[in-house]
N, C-alpha and C. Protein backbone atom coordinates (compact mmCIF):
# COMPACT_ATOMS: atom_id res chain seq x y z
N MET A 1 21.18 158.56 173.75
CA MET A 1 22.21 157.73 173.17
C MET A 1 21.58 156.40 172.73
N ASN A 2 22.05 155.89 171.61
CA ASN A 2 21.58 154.61 171.09
C ASN A 2 22.76 153.67 170.92
N GLU A 3 22.43 152.42 170.64
CA GLU A 3 23.45 151.42 170.33
C GLU A 3 23.23 150.94 168.91
N VAL A 4 24.32 150.86 168.14
CA VAL A 4 24.29 150.30 166.79
C VAL A 4 25.16 149.06 166.83
N ILE A 5 24.63 147.95 166.32
CA ILE A 5 25.38 146.70 166.31
C ILE A 5 25.54 146.24 164.86
N ILE A 6 26.80 146.03 164.47
CA ILE A 6 27.13 145.49 163.15
C ILE A 6 28.15 144.38 163.36
N ASN A 7 27.86 143.17 162.90
CA ASN A 7 28.77 142.02 163.07
C ASN A 7 29.15 141.80 164.53
N ASN A 8 28.18 141.89 165.41
CA ASN A 8 28.41 141.72 166.86
C ASN A 8 29.33 142.77 167.46
N ASN A 9 29.57 143.86 166.73
CA ASN A 9 30.36 144.99 167.25
C ASN A 9 29.40 146.08 167.68
N LEU A 10 29.56 146.54 168.91
CA LEU A 10 28.66 147.53 169.50
C LEU A 10 29.28 148.92 169.40
N PHE A 11 28.48 149.85 168.86
CA PHE A 11 28.88 151.26 168.81
C PHE A 11 27.87 152.05 169.63
N ASN A 12 28.34 152.79 170.62
CA ASN A 12 27.51 153.71 171.39
C ASN A 12 27.50 155.03 170.63
N VAL A 13 26.31 155.45 170.21
CA VAL A 13 26.23 156.59 169.30
C VAL A 13 25.33 157.69 169.84
N VAL A 14 25.65 158.90 169.41
CA VAL A 14 24.77 160.04 169.58
C VAL A 14 23.91 160.08 168.33
N THR A 15 22.61 160.25 168.51
CA THR A 15 21.69 160.26 167.37
C THR A 15 21.34 161.68 166.99
N MET A 16 21.49 161.99 165.70
CA MET A 16 21.18 163.32 165.17
C MET A 16 19.92 163.23 164.33
N ILE A 17 18.90 164.03 164.70
CA ILE A 17 17.64 163.98 163.98
C ILE A 17 17.28 165.34 163.37
N SER A 18 17.49 166.42 164.10
CA SER A 18 17.10 167.74 163.61
C SER A 18 18.04 168.19 162.48
N GLU A 19 17.51 169.03 161.58
CA GLU A 19 18.32 169.54 160.47
C GLU A 19 19.57 170.25 160.98
N LYS A 20 19.42 171.03 162.05
CA LYS A 20 20.54 171.78 162.61
C LYS A 20 21.63 170.82 163.10
N ASP A 21 21.22 169.78 163.84
CA ASP A 21 22.19 168.80 164.35
C ASP A 21 22.85 168.02 163.22
N ILE A 22 22.06 167.64 162.21
CA ILE A 22 22.60 166.90 161.08
C ILE A 22 23.62 167.75 160.33
N GLU A 23 23.31 169.03 160.14
CA GLU A 23 24.22 169.92 159.43
C GLU A 23 25.53 170.10 160.18
N LYS A 24 25.47 170.20 161.50
CA LYS A 24 26.68 170.38 162.31
C LYS A 24 27.48 169.09 162.40
N GLY A 25 26.83 167.97 162.64
CA GLY A 25 27.51 166.67 162.69
C GLY A 25 28.74 166.68 163.58
N MET A 26 29.87 166.25 163.02
CA MET A 26 31.12 166.15 163.78
C MET A 26 32.00 167.39 163.66
N MET A 27 31.47 168.49 163.13
CA MET A 27 32.26 169.72 163.01
C MET A 27 32.80 170.13 164.36
N ASN A 28 34.10 170.35 164.43
CA ASN A 28 34.78 170.81 165.64
C ASN A 28 34.50 169.92 166.85
N ASN A 29 34.30 168.63 166.60
CA ASN A 29 33.94 167.71 167.66
C ASN A 29 34.74 166.42 167.52
N SER A 30 34.82 165.65 168.59
CA SER A 30 35.43 164.32 168.53
C SER A 30 34.67 163.41 169.48
N PHE A 31 34.84 162.12 169.27
CA PHE A 31 34.15 161.16 170.13
C PHE A 31 34.80 161.13 171.50
N GLY A 32 33.99 160.87 172.53
CA GLY A 32 34.50 160.77 173.89
C GLY A 32 34.74 159.33 174.28
N ASP A 33 35.02 159.10 175.54
CA ASP A 33 35.30 157.76 176.04
C ASP A 33 34.09 156.83 175.94
N ASP A 34 32.89 157.38 176.12
CA ASP A 34 31.70 156.54 176.13
C ASP A 34 30.91 156.59 174.82
N ILE A 35 31.35 157.40 173.86
CA ILE A 35 30.69 157.54 172.56
C ILE A 35 31.71 157.21 171.46
N ASN A 36 31.35 156.30 170.56
CA ASN A 36 32.28 155.99 169.47
C ASN A 36 31.59 156.02 168.10
N GLY A 37 30.51 156.81 168.01
CA GLY A 37 29.85 156.97 166.74
C GLY A 37 28.77 158.03 166.78
N MET A 38 28.35 158.44 165.57
CA MET A 38 27.26 159.39 165.44
C MET A 38 26.31 158.83 164.38
N LEU A 39 25.03 158.74 164.71
CA LEU A 39 24.02 158.18 163.82
C LEU A 39 23.09 159.30 163.35
N PHE A 40 22.99 159.45 162.04
CA PHE A 40 22.13 160.47 161.44
C PHE A 40 20.86 159.80 160.92
N VAL A 41 19.70 160.28 161.37
CA VAL A 41 18.41 159.77 160.91
C VAL A 41 17.94 160.70 159.80
N MET A 42 17.80 160.14 158.60
CA MET A 42 17.50 160.93 157.41
C MET A 42 16.24 160.40 156.72
N LYS A 43 15.74 161.14 155.76
CA LYS A 43 14.69 160.64 154.88
C LYS A 43 15.35 159.64 153.93
N PRO A 44 14.64 158.61 153.50
CA PRO A 44 15.22 157.66 152.54
C PRO A 44 15.65 158.37 151.26
N GLY A 45 16.75 157.90 150.68
CA GLY A 45 17.22 158.45 149.41
C GLY A 45 18.72 158.64 149.38
N GLN A 46 19.17 159.39 148.39
CA GLN A 46 20.59 159.71 148.22
C GLN A 46 20.96 160.86 149.16
N HIS A 47 22.14 160.75 149.77
CA HIS A 47 22.64 161.80 150.65
C HIS A 47 24.11 162.04 150.38
N SER A 48 24.55 163.22 150.74
CA SER A 48 25.93 163.61 150.53
C SER A 48 26.48 164.20 151.83
N PHE A 49 27.61 163.68 152.29
CA PHE A 49 28.25 164.17 153.51
C PHE A 49 29.62 164.73 153.16
N TRP A 50 30.12 165.60 154.02
CA TRP A 50 31.46 166.12 153.85
C TRP A 50 32.14 166.18 155.20
N MET A 51 33.41 166.52 155.21
CA MET A 51 34.22 166.49 156.43
C MET A 51 34.65 167.90 156.86
N LYS A 52 33.86 168.90 156.51
CA LYS A 52 34.21 170.29 156.83
C LYS A 52 34.40 170.49 158.33
N ASN A 53 35.58 171.02 158.68
CA ASN A 53 35.94 171.36 160.06
C ASN A 53 35.87 170.19 161.04
N CYS A 54 35.99 168.97 160.53
CA CYS A 54 36.08 167.81 161.43
C CYS A 54 37.49 167.75 162.01
N LYS A 55 37.62 167.13 163.15
CA LYS A 55 38.92 167.04 163.83
C LYS A 55 39.68 165.77 163.51
N THR A 56 38.98 164.74 163.02
CA THR A 56 39.61 163.44 162.85
C THR A 56 39.06 162.73 161.61
N HIS A 57 39.79 161.74 161.13
CA HIS A 57 39.32 160.93 160.01
C HIS A 57 38.11 160.11 160.46
N LEU A 58 37.15 159.92 159.56
CA LEU A 58 35.95 159.16 159.87
C LEU A 58 35.64 158.16 158.76
N ASP A 59 35.01 157.06 159.14
CA ASP A 59 34.37 156.16 158.18
C ASP A 59 32.91 156.58 158.15
N ILE A 60 32.36 156.74 156.93
CA ILE A 60 30.97 157.13 156.76
C ILE A 60 30.23 155.92 156.18
N ILE A 61 29.26 155.41 156.93
CA ILE A 61 28.55 154.19 156.55
C ILE A 61 27.08 154.52 156.28
N PHE A 62 26.65 154.32 155.04
CA PHE A 62 25.26 154.54 154.66
C PHE A 62 24.49 153.24 154.88
N ILE A 63 23.28 153.36 155.46
CA ILE A 63 22.47 152.20 155.81
C ILE A 63 21.09 152.35 155.17
N LYS A 64 20.71 151.32 154.41
CA LYS A 64 19.39 151.30 153.76
C LYS A 64 18.73 149.97 154.10
N ASP A 65 17.48 150.02 154.57
CA ASP A 65 16.75 148.81 154.94
C ASP A 65 17.54 147.96 155.94
N MET A 66 18.19 148.63 156.88
CA MET A 66 18.95 147.99 157.97
C MET A 66 20.12 147.13 157.46
N LYS A 67 20.66 147.50 156.29
CA LYS A 67 21.86 146.86 155.76
C LYS A 67 22.82 147.95 155.30
N VAL A 68 24.11 147.69 155.44
CA VAL A 68 25.13 148.64 154.98
C VAL A 68 25.05 148.70 153.46
N SER A 69 24.80 149.90 152.93
CA SER A 69 24.68 150.07 151.47
C SER A 69 25.92 150.67 150.85
N LYS A 70 26.71 151.42 151.63
CA LYS A 70 27.93 152.07 151.09
C LYS A 70 28.82 152.45 152.26
N ILE A 71 30.13 152.29 152.07
CA ILE A 71 31.10 152.71 153.09
C ILE A 71 32.16 153.58 152.42
N HIS A 72 32.38 154.74 153.00
CA HIS A 72 33.51 155.59 152.62
C HIS A 72 34.49 155.50 153.78
N LYS A 73 35.69 154.99 153.50
CA LYS A 73 36.65 154.70 154.57
C LYS A 73 37.67 155.81 154.75
N ASP A 74 37.98 156.04 156.03
CA ASP A 74 39.07 156.92 156.43
C ASP A 74 39.02 158.29 155.73
N CYS A 75 37.85 158.91 155.75
CA CYS A 75 37.66 160.22 155.11
C CYS A 75 38.40 161.29 155.91
N PRO A 76 39.29 162.05 155.25
CA PRO A 76 40.10 163.03 155.98
C PRO A 76 39.34 164.31 156.29
N PRO A 77 39.71 164.99 157.39
CA PRO A 77 39.12 166.29 157.70
C PRO A 77 39.40 167.28 156.57
N CYS A 78 38.56 168.29 156.46
CA CYS A 78 38.73 169.32 155.45
C CYS A 78 38.55 170.68 156.10
N ASN A 79 39.53 171.55 155.90
CA ASN A 79 39.44 172.90 156.46
C ASN A 79 39.38 173.96 155.37
N LYS A 80 39.05 173.53 154.15
CA LYS A 80 38.92 174.46 153.02
C LYS A 80 37.46 174.85 152.87
N GLU A 81 37.22 175.82 151.99
CA GLU A 81 35.85 176.24 151.72
C GLU A 81 35.10 175.18 150.92
N LYS A 82 35.78 174.57 149.95
CA LYS A 82 35.18 173.49 149.16
C LYS A 82 35.79 172.18 149.59
N CYS A 83 34.96 171.25 150.05
CA CYS A 83 35.43 169.95 150.53
C CYS A 83 34.86 168.83 149.65
N GLN A 84 35.58 167.74 149.60
CA GLN A 84 35.10 166.56 148.90
C GLN A 84 33.81 166.07 149.57
N THR A 85 32.90 165.54 148.77
CA THR A 85 31.67 164.99 149.32
C THR A 85 31.68 163.47 149.18
N TYR A 86 30.94 162.83 150.06
CA TYR A 86 30.84 161.37 150.10
C TYR A 86 29.37 161.02 150.01
N GLN A 87 29.00 160.31 148.95
CA GLN A 87 27.59 160.06 148.68
C GLN A 87 27.21 158.61 148.87
N GLY A 88 25.93 158.40 149.16
CA GLY A 88 25.39 157.07 149.31
C GLY A 88 23.90 157.13 149.48
N GLU A 89 23.28 155.96 149.52
CA GLU A 89 21.83 155.88 149.65
C GLU A 89 21.47 155.21 150.97
N GLY A 90 20.45 155.77 151.62
CA GLY A 90 19.98 155.18 152.86
C GLY A 90 19.13 156.13 153.66
N ASP A 91 18.64 155.65 154.79
CA ASP A 91 17.88 156.50 155.70
C ASP A 91 18.61 156.68 157.03
N LEU A 92 19.72 155.98 157.18
CA LEU A 92 20.59 156.13 158.34
C LEU A 92 22.03 156.25 157.85
N ILE A 93 22.78 157.12 158.48
CA ILE A 93 24.20 157.24 158.17
C ILE A 93 24.95 157.19 159.49
N LEU A 94 25.92 156.30 159.56
CA LEU A 94 26.72 156.11 160.77
C LEU A 94 28.13 156.61 160.51
N GLU A 95 28.61 157.50 161.37
CA GLU A 95 30.01 157.94 161.32
C GLU A 95 30.73 157.32 162.51
N ILE A 96 31.86 156.67 162.21
CA ILE A 96 32.70 156.08 163.25
C ILE A 96 34.13 156.49 162.98
N ASN A 97 35.02 156.21 163.92
CA ASN A 97 36.42 156.57 163.74
C ASN A 97 36.98 155.98 162.45
N GLY A 98 37.80 156.77 161.77
CA GLY A 98 38.43 156.32 160.53
C GLY A 98 39.20 155.02 160.76
N GLY A 99 38.95 154.05 159.89
CA GLY A 99 39.62 152.76 159.99
C GLY A 99 38.84 151.71 160.75
N ASP A 100 37.80 152.12 161.50
CA ASP A 100 37.05 151.15 162.30
C ASP A 100 36.25 150.16 161.44
N SER A 101 35.82 150.58 160.24
CA SER A 101 35.08 149.62 159.41
C SER A 101 35.98 148.46 158.98
N ASP A 102 37.26 148.74 158.73
CA ASP A 102 38.21 147.65 158.44
C ASP A 102 38.54 146.87 159.71
N LYS A 103 38.76 147.60 160.80
CA LYS A 103 39.10 146.96 162.07
C LYS A 103 38.04 145.96 162.50
N TYR A 104 36.76 146.30 162.28
CA TYR A 104 35.66 145.44 162.70
C TYR A 104 35.05 144.65 161.54
N ASP A 105 35.75 144.64 160.39
CA ASP A 105 35.35 143.86 159.22
C ASP A 105 33.92 144.16 158.78
N ILE A 106 33.57 145.45 158.72
CA ILE A 106 32.25 145.87 158.28
C ILE A 106 32.29 146.01 156.76
N LYS A 107 31.30 145.37 156.10
CA LYS A 107 31.26 145.37 154.64
C LYS A 107 29.86 145.74 154.16
N GLU A 108 29.78 146.17 152.89
CA GLU A 108 28.48 146.43 152.28
C GLU A 108 27.67 145.14 152.31
N GLY A 109 26.39 145.27 152.67
CA GLY A 109 25.50 144.12 152.77
C GLY A 109 25.34 143.61 154.20
N ASP A 110 26.23 144.02 155.12
CA ASP A 110 26.11 143.58 156.50
C ASP A 110 24.82 144.11 157.14
N SER A 111 24.22 143.30 158.00
CA SER A 111 23.01 143.70 158.71
C SER A 111 23.35 144.64 159.87
N VAL A 112 22.40 145.53 160.16
CA VAL A 112 22.57 146.54 161.20
C VAL A 112 21.39 146.43 162.17
N ILE A 113 21.71 146.49 163.46
CA ILE A 113 20.69 146.49 164.51
C ILE A 113 20.82 147.79 165.28
N ILE A 114 19.69 148.46 165.51
CA ILE A 114 19.67 149.70 166.30
C ILE A 114 18.89 149.42 167.57
N LYS A 115 19.51 149.74 168.72
CA LYS A 115 18.83 149.59 170.01
C LYS A 115 18.77 150.94 170.70
N PRO A 116 17.61 151.22 171.34
CA PRO A 116 17.47 152.51 172.06
C PRO A 116 18.33 152.54 173.30
């Protein structure tokens, strides 16, 4: 587990590194009492995420050079074969509960700190 800090707000996250874990993401899963985010470690560049078989709305935050580069807010779950995709650029992608980026006033350009 790692800690992600944005605007003095602490998110306890599960870190996804392997292709299998990244592909599964939040499918059929939800955050627990001690976890309020999922951090995906990716190669730098453009990435596309979707909400296939997720249980809850999520904010998807793309991070490039330790700054928020793009936020997709309150993305709804999708149980269809074809789901909307959410794109952005970065080497880290943070998923948090839908609405939390507004709740914690997270904006594009904000600095991000990752602690082990």
